[in-house]
Amino acid sequence: MAKPKNILFIMFDQLRWDYLSCYGHKHLHTPNIDRLAERGVRFTRCYIQSPICGSSRMSTYTGRYVHSHGASWNGIPLKVGEMTMGDHLRKVGMDCYLVGKTHMRADEEGMARLGLEPDSIIGARVSECGFDVFERDDGMLPEGPDGSYDPDGAREYNKWLKAKGYESDNPWHDFANSGLDEDGNVLSGWFLKNSTEAANIHEPDSETPYLTGRGIEFMQTHEGPWCCHLSYIKPHWPYIVPEPYASMFGPEHVQPVIRSNAERESDHPVFQAFMGNKVGEAFSRQDVRDAVIPAYMGLIKQADDQMGRLFAWLEETGRMDDTLIVLTSDHGDFLGDHWMGEKTFFHDTATVVPLIVYDPSPEADATRGTVCDALVECIDFAPTFVDFAGGEPPLHILEGESLLPILRGQATDTRRGYVICEYDYSASPVAHAMGAEVRDATMFMVADKKWKLMHFEGGHRPMLFDLENDPDELVDLGDSDEHAEVIAQMYDKLFEWARRPSQRTTRSEEQLREMRTKTRRRGIVLGVYDENDTPLELTVRYRGRKAPNMKDGPGGASQP
């Protein structure tokens, strides 16, 4: 078997961890993803670093917390100086390519200040989150009275659809993400009632098969070692799927909602605001869940079938023997749980993601088919990839840790005692509805295997959940006097995390240790009264030297 040399980094968008059969879904069978889990390690406590696409992905790509990289919401650029996994991997001889979505925005002002041209190699990489781009497709081309949310969304995909005969100024919407009635009227997938319709597109031409094909094309045309980030758009909304998947599931397959009346009556103003926003109100209705969730399940079933297609190609070409495969998601989807939709809160429904890692190395044989409950964060991917590529992860920049010891049976847990997730909602409609100041519209989560604390700026009380006795997170203990000590302990962990030196990225720990004594050998002599009080070799340049008397200046009376 050839020595493993490549990395296939598969990310789905808005895929809930518990909507795969290997994670326990009762009706949705995902045999191809399950088989990957049987050949690798399945992690059960993998946490994202922010419950929204853009900032979650920026943490994954940089290996750094949101507080460190600063791209705290969708559309907020990643600072021009931030290194990403592409930068780290190229330093150890591995190319890093994108096929699909990143949701990043370039720091155009920063690039202009430094004279980085977008069409230069470096400028292009900075503009694309450190990736070389085979095809970028953020997958979204919505259009409103003020224009498009992302004018470049689905750009190549739309060109491809038009070339195949899907005639429209926006085939992404009119065909891939909408149904069609008997009179030829487009039934937009943006309206949740139309989730029950079949998308008006030939299934092989829809988004997930398209990106699978593009990923295969990349691997066919590139020599390793490479990291290919195959980043799927679905099952992210609009929730609509073509046949045969549109008819596979119905309301009878919708799992019971996880929520309580006590939650709905909560006195917590931030929690109330998120439950009461437009999407929360919609998904609180059972008719909406009955319409949307079968389509969501169909999108996932289609994704699993495409994984079967992809893995079969890898087997046939021998790539399965030399490629590390990582399969995950950027966040989950509430789907009505806890009276919310979308993903922008801290329950496990949104913050835990599936993570399956297949390492073809013989060293990983002992862990095949195992399940690991270690506390993992998505910032661990970048150091894992550098480690796999044969490099030493620069841990003064990367804030995660390599998972390779777990994959290869050298460890059973990570070194961390807690995980962190952050959400800056200052640019969201919720902040507007609350009248929250920008600096107050932030929240933090710290969790270990027993407790989860949610902290809210703006003077609000915390929320606390007992993950062992209340795994569904239905009982908020944040105002319980009996749990004051637990709350204090969790705050200690949050404060410990906040005090880390996350911005010191220009010197490694090894260099700092060297600097402790380097100045002594570079002529700095402090606190030494007599030359014999310090090793003489350090002061060799200061002893036994002769000089003329210049106290009266050149040519003065003191000169001989």
Protein backbone atom coordinates (compact mmCIF):
# COMPACT_ATOMS: atom_id res chain seq x y z
CA MET A 1 0.00 0.00 0.00
CA ALA A 2 1.30 3.44 -0.92
CA LYS A 3 2.15 5.73 1.98
CA PRO A 4 -0.82 8.01 2.69
CA LYS A 5 -0.16 11.45 1.26
CA ASN A 6 -3.45 13.22 0.50
CA ILE A 7 -6.31 14.70 2.55
CA LEU A 8 -9.95 14.81 1.46
CA PHE A 9 -11.67 17.25 3.79
CA ILE A 10 -15.44 16.89 3.31
CA MET A 11 -17.72 19.43 4.93
CA PHE A 12 -21.50 19.58 4.67
CA ASP A 13 -23.41 22.74 5.48
CA GLN A 14 -25.98 22.67 8.29
CA LEU A 15 -25.87 18.87 8.73
CA ARG A 16 -27.07 17.88 12.21
CA TRP A 17 -24.92 15.28 13.92
CA ASP A 18 -27.94 13.17 14.90
CA TYR A 19 -29.35 12.99 11.35
CA LEU A 20 -27.04 10.12 10.34
CA SER A 21 -27.87 6.52 11.13
CA CYS A 22 -24.42 5.90 12.66
CA TYR A 23 -25.32 8.63 15.18
CA GLY A 24 -28.69 7.07 15.93
CA HIS A 25 -31.35 8.51 13.61
CA LYS A 26 -34.31 6.12 13.58
CA HIS A 27 -35.55 6.59 10.03
CA LEU A 28 -32.73 8.13 7.99
CA HIS A 29 -30.30 5.44 6.85
CA THR A 30 -26.90 6.62 5.65
CA PRO A 31 -25.02 3.40 4.84
CA ASN A 32 -22.15 4.99 2.92
CA ILE A 33 -21.22 7.42 5.67
CA ASP A 34 -21.76 4.62 8.18
CA ARG A 35 -19.25 2.44 6.29
CA LEU A 36 -16.69 5.22 6.48
CA ALA A 37 -17.23 5.28 10.25
CA GLU A 38 -16.69 1.52 10.34
CA ARG A 39 -13.28 2.05 8.72
CA GLY A 40 -12.28 5.02 10.87
CA VAL A 41 -13.04 6.80 14.13
CA ARG A 42 -16.40 8.42 14.87
CA PHE A 43 -16.27 11.31 17.34
CA THR A 44 -19.33 12.11 19.46
CA ARG A 45 -18.28 15.42 21.07
CA CYS A 46 -16.98 17.55 18.22
CA TYR A 47 -17.89 21.19 18.85
CA ILE A 48 -17.89 24.10 16.44
CA GLN A 49 -16.46 27.46 17.53
CA SER A 50 -19.38 29.62 16.39
CA PRO A 51 -22.99 28.69 15.47
CA ILE A 52 -23.08 30.45 12.09
CA CYS A 53 -21.54 29.59 8.73
CA GLY A 54 -18.92 32.30 8.24
CA SER A 55 -17.29 32.52 11.64
CA SER A 56 -17.47 28.75 12.19
CA ARG A 57 -15.63 28.12 8.95
CA MET A 58 -13.05 30.82 9.65
CA SER A 59 -12.21 29.06 12.92
CA THR A 60 -11.96 25.73 11.11
CA TYR A 61 -9.74 27.14 8.35
CA THR A 62 -7.46 29.16 10.65
CA GLY A 63 -7.38 26.69 13.54
CA ARG A 64 -8.17 29.65 15.80
CA TYR A 65 -11.04 30.83 17.98
CA VAL A 66 -13.32 33.62 16.77
CA HIS A 67 -11.87 35.95 19.42
CA SER A 68 -8.50 35.38 17.80
CA HIS A 69 -9.26 35.70 14.08
CA GLY A 70 -11.99 38.35 14.39
CA ALA A 71 -14.31 37.24 11.56
CA SER A 72 -17.24 37.08 13.94
CA TRP A 73 -20.25 36.92 11.60
CA ASN A 74 -21.19 36.23 7.99
CA GLY A 75 -19.67 38.80 5.66
CA ILE A 76 -17.04 40.01 8.14
CA PRO A 77 -13.67 39.64 6.40
CA LEU A 78 -10.88 37.47 7.73
CA LYS A 79 -7.98 39.80 8.57
CA VAL A 80 -5.36 39.87 5.83
CA GLY A 81 -2.63 38.63 8.18
CA GLU A 82 -4.43 35.52 9.42
CA MET A 83 -2.79 32.26 8.36
CA THR A 84 -5.02 29.38 7.29
CA MET A 85 -4.60 25.66 6.79
CA GLY A 86 -3.54 26.33 3.19
CA ASP A 87 -0.63 28.47 4.39
CA HIS A 88 0.43 25.88 6.95
CA LEU A 89 0.15 22.93 4.57
CA ARG A 90 2.06 24.58 1.74
CA LYS A 91 4.96 25.14 4.17
CA VAL A 92 5.23 21.36 4.59
CA GLY A 93 4.89 20.58 0.87
CA MET A 94 1.14 19.94 0.50
CA ASP A 95 -1.12 21.85 -1.91
CA CYS A 96 -4.48 22.98 -0.55
CA TYR A 97 -7.45 23.35 -2.93
CA LEU A 98 -11.08 24.35 -2.58
CA VAL A 99 -14.01 22.68 -4.31
CA GLY A 100 -17.20 24.30 -3.03
CA LYS A 101 -18.10 26.70 -0.23
CA THR A 102 -16.06 28.80 2.20
CA HIS A 103 -18.43 31.72 2.96
CA MET A 104 -15.41 33.98 3.51
CA ARG A 105 -15.02 37.60 2.54
CA ALA A 106 -11.68 39.09 1.54
CA ASP A 107 -10.17 41.90 3.59
CA GLU A 108 -10.04 44.24 0.60
CA GLU A 109 -8.99 47.27 2.63
CA GLY A 110 -6.16 45.35 4.25
CA MET A 111 -5.01 43.97 0.92
CA ALA A 112 -5.01 47.44 -0.63
CA ARG A 113 -3.03 48.83 2.31
CA LEU A 114 -0.35 46.18 1.78
CA GLY A 115 -0.39 46.43 -2.01
CA LEU A 116 -1.68 42.89 -2.55
CA GLU A 117 -3.27 42.59 -5.97
CA PRO A 118 -6.27 40.21 -6.00
CA ASP A 119 -5.07 38.63 -9.27
CA SER A 120 -1.60 37.82 -7.92
CA ILE A 121 -0.92 34.35 -6.50
CA ILE A 122 -0.62 35.62 -2.94
CA GLY A 123 -3.50 38.05 -3.37
CA ALA A 124 -5.75 35.31 -4.74
CA ARG A 125 -4.95 33.03 -1.81
CA VAL A 126 -5.59 35.80 0.70
CA SER A 127 -8.89 36.49 -1.06
CA GLU A 128 -9.89 32.83 -0.86
CA CYS A 129 -9.08 31.97 2.74
CA GLY A 130 -5.70 30.53 1.85
CA PHE A 131 -7.01 28.03 -0.68
CA ASP A 132 -6.07 27.62 -4.29
CA VAL A 133 -9.45 27.49 -5.99
CA PHE A 134 -10.51 24.66 -8.27
CA GLU A 135 -14.08 25.90 -7.98
CA ARG A 136 -15.63 28.14 -5.37
CA ASP A 137 -19.38 27.80 -4.98
CA ASP A 138 -20.96 29.35 -1.91
CA GLY A 139 -24.20 28.04 -3.31
CA MET A 140 -26.46 30.95 -2.60
CA LEU A 141 -27.90 33.34 -5.19
CA PRO A 142 -30.87 34.98 -3.47
CA GLU A 143 -32.18 38.20 -4.99
CA GLY A 144 -34.14 41.02 -3.36
CA PRO A 145 -35.16 44.61 -4.01
CA ASP A 146 -31.71 45.82 -2.97
CA GLY A 147 -29.85 43.28 -5.09
CA SER A 148 -28.28 39.93 -4.32
CA TYR A 149 -26.91 38.70 -1.01
CA ASP A 150 -23.95 37.22 -2.89
CA PRO A 151 -23.67 38.20 -6.57
CA ASP A 152 -20.97 35.56 -7.08
CA GLY A 153 -23.01 32.76 -5.50
CA ALA A 154 -23.50 29.67 -7.68
CA ARG A 155 -21.62 31.47 -10.44
CA GLU A 156 -20.01 28.47 -12.17
CA TYR A 157 -22.94 26.22 -11.31
CA ASN A 158 -25.38 28.62 -12.96
CA LYS A 159 -23.18 28.76 -16.07
CA TRP A 160 -23.14 24.97 -16.15
CA LEU A 161 -26.91 24.75 -15.77
CA LYS A 162 -27.49 27.28 -18.55
CA ALA A 163 -25.16 25.33 -20.84
CA LYS A 164 -27.25 22.21 -20.17
CA GLY A 165 -30.45 24.00 -21.18
CA TYR A 166 -31.87 25.31 -17.91
CA GLU A 167 -32.98 28.63 -19.32
CA SER A 168 -33.34 31.35 -16.69
CA ASP A 169 -31.51 34.41 -15.41
CA ASN A 170 -31.10 32.45 -12.16
CA PRO A 171 -31.39 28.68 -12.70
CA TRP A 172 -30.02 28.09 -9.19
CA HIS A 173 -33.31 29.43 -7.89
CA ASP A 174 -35.77 28.54 -10.64
CA PHE A 175 -34.72 24.91 -11.05
CA ALA A 176 -32.32 23.63 -8.37
CA ASN A 177 -34.17 25.28 -5.47
CA SER A 178 -37.80 25.56 -6.56
CA GLY A 179 -40.68 23.34 -7.57
CA LEU A 180 -43.10 23.76 -10.48
CA ASP A 181 -46.88 23.67 -10.59
CA GLU A 182 -49.09 22.34 -13.40
CA ASP A 183 -49.22 25.76 -15.08
CA GLY A 184 -45.47 26.18 -15.16
CA ASN A 185 -45.30 28.56 -12.22
CA VAL A 186 -42.10 28.47 -10.17
CA LEU A 187 -42.77 27.42 -6.58
CA SER A 188 -39.88 29.07 -4.75
CA GLY A 189 -37.97 27.01 -2.24
CA TRP A 190 -37.68 30.10 -0.08
CA PHE A 191 -41.29 29.55 1.00
CA LEU A 192 -41.30 26.71 3.51
CA LYS A 193 -44.65 25.38 2.30
CA ASN A 194 -42.94 24.45 -0.99
CA SER A 195 -40.50 22.14 0.79
CA THR A 196 -42.98 19.35 0.04
CA GLU A 197 -42.48 19.92 -3.71
CA ALA A 198 -39.84 18.15 -5.77
CA ALA A 199 -37.16 20.48 -7.08
CA ASN A 200 -37.65 21.14 -10.81
CA ILE A 201 -34.31 19.67 -11.84
CA HIS A 202 -32.95 16.37 -13.09
CA GLU A 203 -31.41 14.86 -9.98
CA PRO A 204 -27.88 14.35 -11.42
CA ASP A 205 -27.84 18.08 -12.23
CA SER A 206 -28.64 19.22 -8.69
CA GLU A 207 -26.07 20.81 -6.41
CA THR A 208 -24.78 17.83 -4.42
CA PRO A 209 -24.09 15.55 -7.43
CA TYR A 210 -22.56 18.53 -9.24
CA LEU A 211 -20.03 19.20 -6.49
CA THR A 212 -19.25 15.49 -6.15
CA GLY A 213 -18.38 15.45 -9.83
CA ARG A 214 -16.21 18.52 -9.47
CA GLY A 215 -14.38 16.94 -6.53
CA ILE A 216 -13.67 13.83 -8.58
CA GLU A 217 -12.46 16.01 -11.46
CA PHE A 218 -10.01 17.71 -9.12
CA MET A 219 -8.60 14.43 -7.87
CA GLN A 220 -8.34 13.08 -11.42
CA THR A 221 -6.25 16.04 -12.56
CA HIS A 222 -3.96 16.73 -9.59
CA GLU A 223 -0.92 14.90 -8.34
CA GLY A 224 -0.41 14.67 -4.60
CA PRO A 225 0.30 15.49 -1.98
CA TRP A 226 -2.83 17.63 -1.81
CA CYS A 227 -5.57 18.62 0.58
CA CYS A 228 -8.90 18.93 -1.21
CA HIS A 229 -11.60 20.76 0.73
CA LEU A 230 -14.76 19.35 -0.82
CA SER A 231 -17.31 21.67 0.75
CA TYR A 232 -20.96 20.90 0.04
CA ILE A 233 -23.78 23.45 0.10
CA LYS A 234 -26.53 21.16 1.32
CA PRO A 235 -28.52 20.27 3.40
CA HIS A 236 -28.52 24.02 4.09
CA TRP A 237 -31.74 25.83 3.19
CA PRO A 238 -33.61 26.36 0.87
CA TYR A 239 -35.09 23.04 2.00
CA ILE A 240 -36.09 21.41 -1.26
CA VAL A 241 -34.80 18.31 -3.03
CA PRO A 242 -35.40 16.61 -6.40
CA GLU A 243 -36.93 13.21 -6.91
CA PRO A 244 -36.52 10.43 -5.97
CA TYR A 245 -35.52 11.99 -2.64
CA ALA A 246 -38.52 14.32 -2.43
CA SER A 247 -40.85 11.32 -1.95
CA MET A 248 -38.69 9.23 0.38
CA PHE A 249 -39.81 10.74 3.68
CA GLY A 250 -43.00 12.16 5.11
CA PRO A 251 -44.36 13.58 8.37
CA GLU A 252 -44.40 10.06 9.82
CA HIS A 253 -40.58 10.08 9.70
CA VAL A 254 -40.23 13.36 11.58
CA GLN A 255 -38.73 12.63 14.97
CA PRO A 256 -40.38 14.08 18.08
CA VAL A 257 -39.43 17.66 18.77
CA ILE A 258 -37.10 18.35 21.70
CA ARG A 259 -38.52 21.26 23.69
CA SER A 260 -40.52 22.09 26.80
CA ASN A 261 -43.16 24.57 27.89
CA ALA A 262 -40.74 25.78 30.57
CA GLU A 263 -38.37 26.89 27.83
CA ARG A 264 -41.10 28.85 26.10
CA GLU A 265 -41.86 30.61 29.37
CA SER A 266 -38.22 31.34 30.17
CA ASP A 267 -37.44 34.71 31.72
CA HIS A 268 -34.15 34.95 29.84
CA PRO A 269 -34.42 37.90 27.40
CA VAL A 270 -31.78 36.69 24.93
CA PHE A 271 -33.20 33.18 24.78
CA GLN A 272 -36.68 34.67 24.36
CA ALA A 273 -35.46 36.85 21.49
CA PHE A 274 -34.02 33.90 19.58
CA MET A 275 -37.12 31.78 20.15
CA GLY A 276 -39.30 34.68 19.06
CA ASN A 277 -37.54 35.63 15.83
CA LYS A 278 -39.14 34.86 12.46
CA VAL A 279 -37.49 31.49 11.91
CA GLY A 280 -38.06 30.44 15.51
CA GLU A 281 -41.76 31.23 15.27
CA ALA A 282 -41.99 29.29 12.00
CA PHE A 283 -40.29 26.13 13.25
CA SER A 284 -42.37 26.18 16.42
CA ARG A 285 -45.27 25.09 14.20
CA GLN A 286 -45.67 21.38 13.57
CA ASP A 287 -46.99 21.93 10.02
CA VAL A 288 -43.73 23.69 9.16
CA ARG A 289 -41.66 20.87 10.63
CA ASP A 290 -43.77 18.30 8.77
CA ALA A 291 -43.10 20.12 5.50
CA VAL A 292 -39.43 20.94 5.97
CA ILE A 293 -37.86 18.00 7.80
CA PRO A 294 -38.73 15.33 5.19
CA ALA A 295 -37.03 17.53 2.56
CA TYR A 296 -34.05 18.04 4.89
CA MET A 297 -33.83 14.27 5.30
CA GLY A 298 -34.04 13.81 1.54
CA LEU A 299 -31.12 16.19 1.06
CA ILE A 300 -29.08 14.16 3.54
CA LYS A 301 -30.05 10.87 1.87
CA GLN A 302 -28.91 12.32 -1.45
CA ALA A 303 -25.65 13.40 0.18
CA ASP A 304 -25.07 9.88 1.49
CA ASP A 305 -25.70 8.39 -1.97
CA GLN A 306 -23.14 10.83 -3.37
CA MET A 307 -20.68 9.69 -0.71
CA GLY A 308 -21.23 6.18 -2.07
CA ARG A 309 -20.37 7.44 -5.55
CA LEU A 310 -17.31 9.29 -4.24
CA PHE A 311 -15.97 6.44 -2.10
CA ALA A 312 -16.46 3.95 -4.95
CA TRP A 313 -14.31 6.16 -7.19
CA LEU A 314 -11.65 6.39 -4.49
CA GLU A 315 -11.61 2.61 -4.19
CA GLU A 316 -11.40 2.03 -7.95
CA THR A 317 -8.50 4.45 -8.37
CA GLY A 318 -6.50 3.44 -5.30
CA ARG A 319 -7.01 6.84 -3.68
CA MET A 320 -8.68 5.18 -0.69
CA ASP A 321 -5.30 3.74 0.25
CA ASP A 322 -3.38 7.02 0.28
CA THR A 323 -5.95 9.61 1.38
CA LEU A 324 -6.99 10.72 4.85
CA ILE A 325 -10.76 11.38 4.75
CA VAL A 326 -12.41 13.77 7.21
CA LEU A 327 -16.20 14.18 7.09
CA THR A 328 -17.94 16.85 9.15
CA SER A 329 -20.33 19.84 9.11
CA ASP A 330 -19.99 23.55 9.89
CA HIS A 331 -22.92 23.54 12.38
CA GLY A 332 -26.30 21.94 12.99
CA ASP A 333 -29.93 23.02 12.57
CA PHE A 334 -32.51 23.43 15.37
CA LEU A 335 -35.47 22.41 13.14
CA GLY A 336 -37.89 23.43 15.89
CA ASP A 337 -36.01 21.96 18.85
CA HIS A 338 -36.00 24.37 21.80
CA TRP A 339 -38.57 26.49 19.89
CA MET A 340 -35.94 27.63 17.42
CA GLY A 341 -34.89 27.28 13.80
CA GLU A 342 -31.54 27.88 12.15
CA LYS A 343 -28.43 27.39 14.28
CA THR A 344 -27.59 30.56 16.16
CA PHE A 345 -27.65 29.39 19.78
CA PHE A 346 -25.58 27.04 21.93
CA HIS A 347 -27.57 23.83 22.40
CA ASP A 348 -25.86 20.66 21.16
CA THR A 349 -28.41 20.59 18.35
CA ALA A 350 -26.45 23.43 16.75
CA THR A 351 -22.96 23.25 18.25
CA VAL A 352 -22.13 19.54 18.04
CA VAL A 353 -21.31 18.28 14.55
CA PRO A 354 -20.63 14.85 13.11
CA LEU A 355 -16.95 14.02 12.74
CA ILE A 356 -15.72 10.85 11.08
CA VAL A 357 -12.04 10.42 10.28
CA TYR A 358 -10.63 7.62 8.15
CA ASP A 359 -6.85 7.26 8.27
CA PRO A 360 -5.56 4.63 5.79
CA SER A 361 -2.24 4.36 7.63
CA PRO A 362 -1.41 0.94 9.13
CA GLU A 363 -0.83 2.77 12.40
CA ALA A 364 -4.58 3.46 12.51
CA ASP A 365 -5.65 -0.19 12.16
CA ALA A 366 -6.20 -0.58 15.91
CA THR A 367 -8.85 2.16 16.06
CA ARG A 368 -10.95 1.24 13.03
CA GLY A 369 -14.66 1.21 13.79
CA THR A 370 -14.23 2.82 17.19
CA VAL A 371 -16.18 5.64 18.80
CA CYS A 372 -14.42 8.42 20.70
CA ASP A 373 -16.09 10.75 23.22
CA ALA A 374 -13.10 13.08 23.61
CA LEU A 375 -13.77 16.82 23.71
CA VAL A 376 -12.86 17.88 20.17
CA GLU A 377 -13.07 21.30 18.55
CA CYS A 378 -13.08 22.10 14.86
CA ILE A 379 -9.91 24.12 15.37
CA ASP A 380 -8.25 20.69 15.73
CA PHE A 381 -8.50 19.94 12.02
CA ALA A 382 -5.69 22.26 10.87
CA PRO A 383 -3.06 20.91 13.31
CA THR A 384 -4.19 17.37 12.51
CA PHE A 385 -3.63 17.99 8.80
CA VAL A 386 -0.18 19.52 9.37
CA ASP A 387 0.73 16.57 11.59
CA PHE A 388 -0.51 14.09 8.98
CA ALA A 389 1.51 15.88 6.27
CA GLY A 390 4.68 15.37 8.30
CA GLY A 391 5.01 18.86 9.76
CA GLU A 392 5.16 20.21 13.28
CA PRO A 393 1.93 22.15 13.99
CA PRO A 394 2.83 25.74 14.97
CA LEU A 395 0.86 25.82 18.19
CA HIS A 396 1.62 29.48 18.92
CA ILE A 397 -0.69 30.15 15.93
CA LEU A 398 -2.94 27.10 15.81
CA GLU A 399 -5.06 26.93 18.97
CA GLY A 400 -6.29 23.37 18.50
CA GLU A 401 -4.43 20.10 18.82
CA SER A 402 -3.68 17.21 16.49
CA LEU A 403 -6.08 14.27 16.62
CA LEU A 404 -3.51 11.93 15.08
CA PRO A 405 -2.59 10.37 18.46
CA ILE A 406 -6.24 9.37 18.95
CA LEU A 407 -6.57 8.09 15.37
CA ARG A 408 -3.49 5.93 15.79
CA GLY A 409 -4.24 4.54 19.23
CA GLN A 410 -1.63 6.56 21.12
CA ALA A 411 -4.24 8.47 23.13
CA THR A 412 -7.91 8.18 24.00
CA ASP A 413 -8.61 11.81 24.84
CA THR A 414 -7.56 15.33 23.97
CA ARG A 415 -5.62 17.47 26.43
CA ARG A 416 -8.41 20.02 26.90
CA GLY A 417 -10.79 20.08 29.81
CA TYR A 418 -13.50 22.14 28.12
CA VAL A 419 -14.70 23.45 24.77
CA ILE A 420 -15.55 26.99 23.72
CA CYS A 421 -18.13 28.42 21.32
CA GLU A 422 -18.76 32.13 20.64
CA TYR A 423 -21.50 34.07 18.91
CA ASP A 424 -21.46 37.75 18.03
CA TYR A 425 -25.01 38.58 17.00
CA SER A 426 -24.49 42.35 16.83
CA ALA A 427 -25.20 42.44 13.08
CA SER A 428 -28.28 40.20 13.29
CA PRO A 429 -32.00 41.09 13.29
CA VAL A 430 -32.21 39.72 16.85
CA ALA A 431 -29.89 42.46 18.10
CA HIS A 432 -32.03 45.04 16.31
CA ALA A 433 -35.22 43.65 17.85
CA MET A 434 -33.65 43.70 21.32
CA GLY A 435 -32.19 47.17 20.88
CA ALA A 436 -28.87 45.72 22.02
CA GLU A 437 -25.67 47.74 21.87
CA VAL A 438 -23.08 46.27 19.55
CA ARG A 439 -20.68 45.43 22.37
CA ASP A 440 -23.46 43.78 24.38
CA ALA A 441 -24.68 41.52 21.57
CA THR A 442 -22.19 38.73 22.22
CA MET A 443 -22.43 35.41 23.98
CA PHE A 444 -20.04 32.63 24.97
CA MET A 445 -20.37 28.94 25.74
CA VAL A 446 -18.03 26.85 27.83
CA ALA A 447 -18.77 23.15 28.24
CA ASP A 448 -17.16 20.03 29.61
CA LYS A 449 -18.61 16.54 29.67
CA LYS A 450 -20.79 17.33 32.67
CA TRP A 451 -21.86 20.99 32.43
CA LYS A 452 -22.56 23.66 29.84
CA LEU A 453 -22.57 27.35 30.73
CA MET A 454 -23.83 30.08 28.40
CA HIS A 455 -22.66 33.62 29.20
CA PHE A 456 -24.35 36.71 27.78
CA GLU A 457 -22.93 40.21 27.70
CA GLY A 458 -25.30 43.08 28.53
CA GLY A 459 -25.81 42.19 32.18
CA HIS A 460 -27.96 39.09 31.59
CA ARG A 461 -27.75 36.07 33.85
CA PRO A 462 -26.07 32.91 32.55
CA MET A 463 -27.78 29.72 31.46
CA LEU A 464 -26.54 26.38 32.81
CA PHE A 465 -27.31 22.80 31.75
CA ASP A 466 -26.49 19.47 33.38
CA LEU A 467 -25.42 17.45 30.34
CA GLU A 468 -25.31 14.16 32.23
CA ASN A 469 -28.78 14.27 33.78
CA ASP A 470 -30.41 16.53 31.19
CA PRO A 471 -28.78 15.63 27.84
CA ASP A 472 -31.61 17.33 25.91
CA GLU A 473 -30.79 20.62 27.68
CA LEU A 474 -34.35 21.37 28.73
CA VAL A 475 -33.80 22.54 32.32
CA ASP A 476 -31.99 25.85 32.66
CA LEU A 477 -30.17 26.01 36.03
CA GLY A 478 -28.61 29.40 35.42
CA ASP A 479 -30.62 31.10 38.20
CA SER A 480 -30.38 28.21 40.67
CA ASP A 481 -28.74 29.14 43.98
CA GLU A 482 -27.95 25.46 44.50
CA HIS A 483 -25.68 25.58 41.45
CA ALA A 484 -23.85 28.80 42.27
CA GLU A 485 -20.60 26.92 42.88
CA VAL A 486 -20.86 25.08 39.56
CA ILE A 487 -21.55 28.38 37.78
CA ALA A 488 -18.48 29.91 39.41
CA GLN A 489 -16.34 26.93 38.37
CA MET A 490 -17.52 27.18 34.78
CA TYR A 491 -16.83 30.92 34.78
CA ASP A 492 -13.30 30.15 36.01
CA LYS A 493 -12.83 28.01 32.90
CA LEU A 494 -14.20 30.72 30.65
CA PHE A 495 -11.89 33.31 32.23
CA GLU A 496 -8.92 30.94 31.92
CA TRP A 497 -9.65 30.64 28.21
CA ALA A 498 -10.05 34.41 27.83
CA ARG A 499 -6.60 35.00 29.37
CA ARG A 500 -4.72 32.89 26.84
CA PRO A 501 -2.09 34.80 24.74
CA SER A 502 -3.90 34.22 21.47
CA GLN A 503 -2.47 37.16 19.54
CA ARG A 504 1.21 36.30 20.04
CA THR A 505 1.62 34.59 16.69
CA THR A 506 5.03 35.85 15.48
CA ARG A 507 7.16 33.85 17.93
CA SER A 508 6.82 30.20 18.87
CA GLU A 509 7.11 28.85 22.41
CA GLU A 510 10.50 27.39 21.52
CA GLN A 511 11.71 30.79 20.33
CA LEU A 512 10.44 32.41 23.52
CA ARG A 513 12.36 29.90 25.63
CA GLU A 514 15.49 30.67 23.64
CA MET A 515 14.95 34.39 24.16
CA ARG A 516 15.10 33.93 27.95
CA THR A 517 18.90 33.58 27.82
CA LYS A 518 19.78 34.82 24.33
CA THR A 519 20.20 38.48 25.38
CA ARG A 520 22.89 37.47 27.88
CA ARG A 521 24.99 36.15 25.04
CA ARG A 522 24.25 39.23 22.95
CA GLY A 523 25.90 41.73 25.30
CA ILE A 524 23.08 42.65 27.69
CA VAL A 525 24.53 42.74 31.25
CA LEU A 526 21.99 43.70 33.93
CA GLY A 527 22.35 43.57 37.70
CA VAL A 528 26.02 42.53 37.65
CA TYR A 529 28.13 44.39 40.26
CA ASP A 530 31.48 42.73 39.56
CA GLU A 531 32.67 41.05 36.38
CA ASN A 532 33.35 37.91 38.38
CA ASP A 533 29.67 37.71 39.37
CA THR A 534 28.72 36.36 35.93
CA PRO A 535 30.37 33.83 33.60
CA LEU A 536 33.39 35.58 32.14
CA GLU A 537 32.62 34.35 28.63
CA LEU A 538 29.51 36.56 28.60
CA THR A 539 31.57 39.75 29.23
CA VAL A 540 34.59 39.00 27.05
CA ARG A 541 33.82 42.06 24.91
CA TYR A 542 33.86 44.33 27.98
CA ARG A 543 37.11 43.28 29.72
CA GLY A 544 40.76 43.96 28.95
CA ARG A 545 40.03 46.83 26.60
CA LYS A 546 42.12 50.04 26.21
CA ALA A 547 40.96 53.51 25.12
CA PRO A 548 42.41 57.07 25.13
CA ASN A 549 41.23 59.64 27.71
CA MET A 550 38.54 61.64 25.92
CA LYS A 551 37.01 63.38 28.95
CA ASP A 552 38.00 66.78 27.52
CA GLY A 553 36.99 65.81 24.00
CA PRO A 554 39.21 65.14 20.94
CA GLY A 555 42.48 67.16 21.17
CA GLY A 556 41.76 68.25 24.75
CA ALA A 557 44.30 68.76 27.59
CA SER A 558 43.97 65.16 28.65
CA GLN A 559 45.33 63.93 25.32
CA PRO A 560 49.03 62.88 25.34
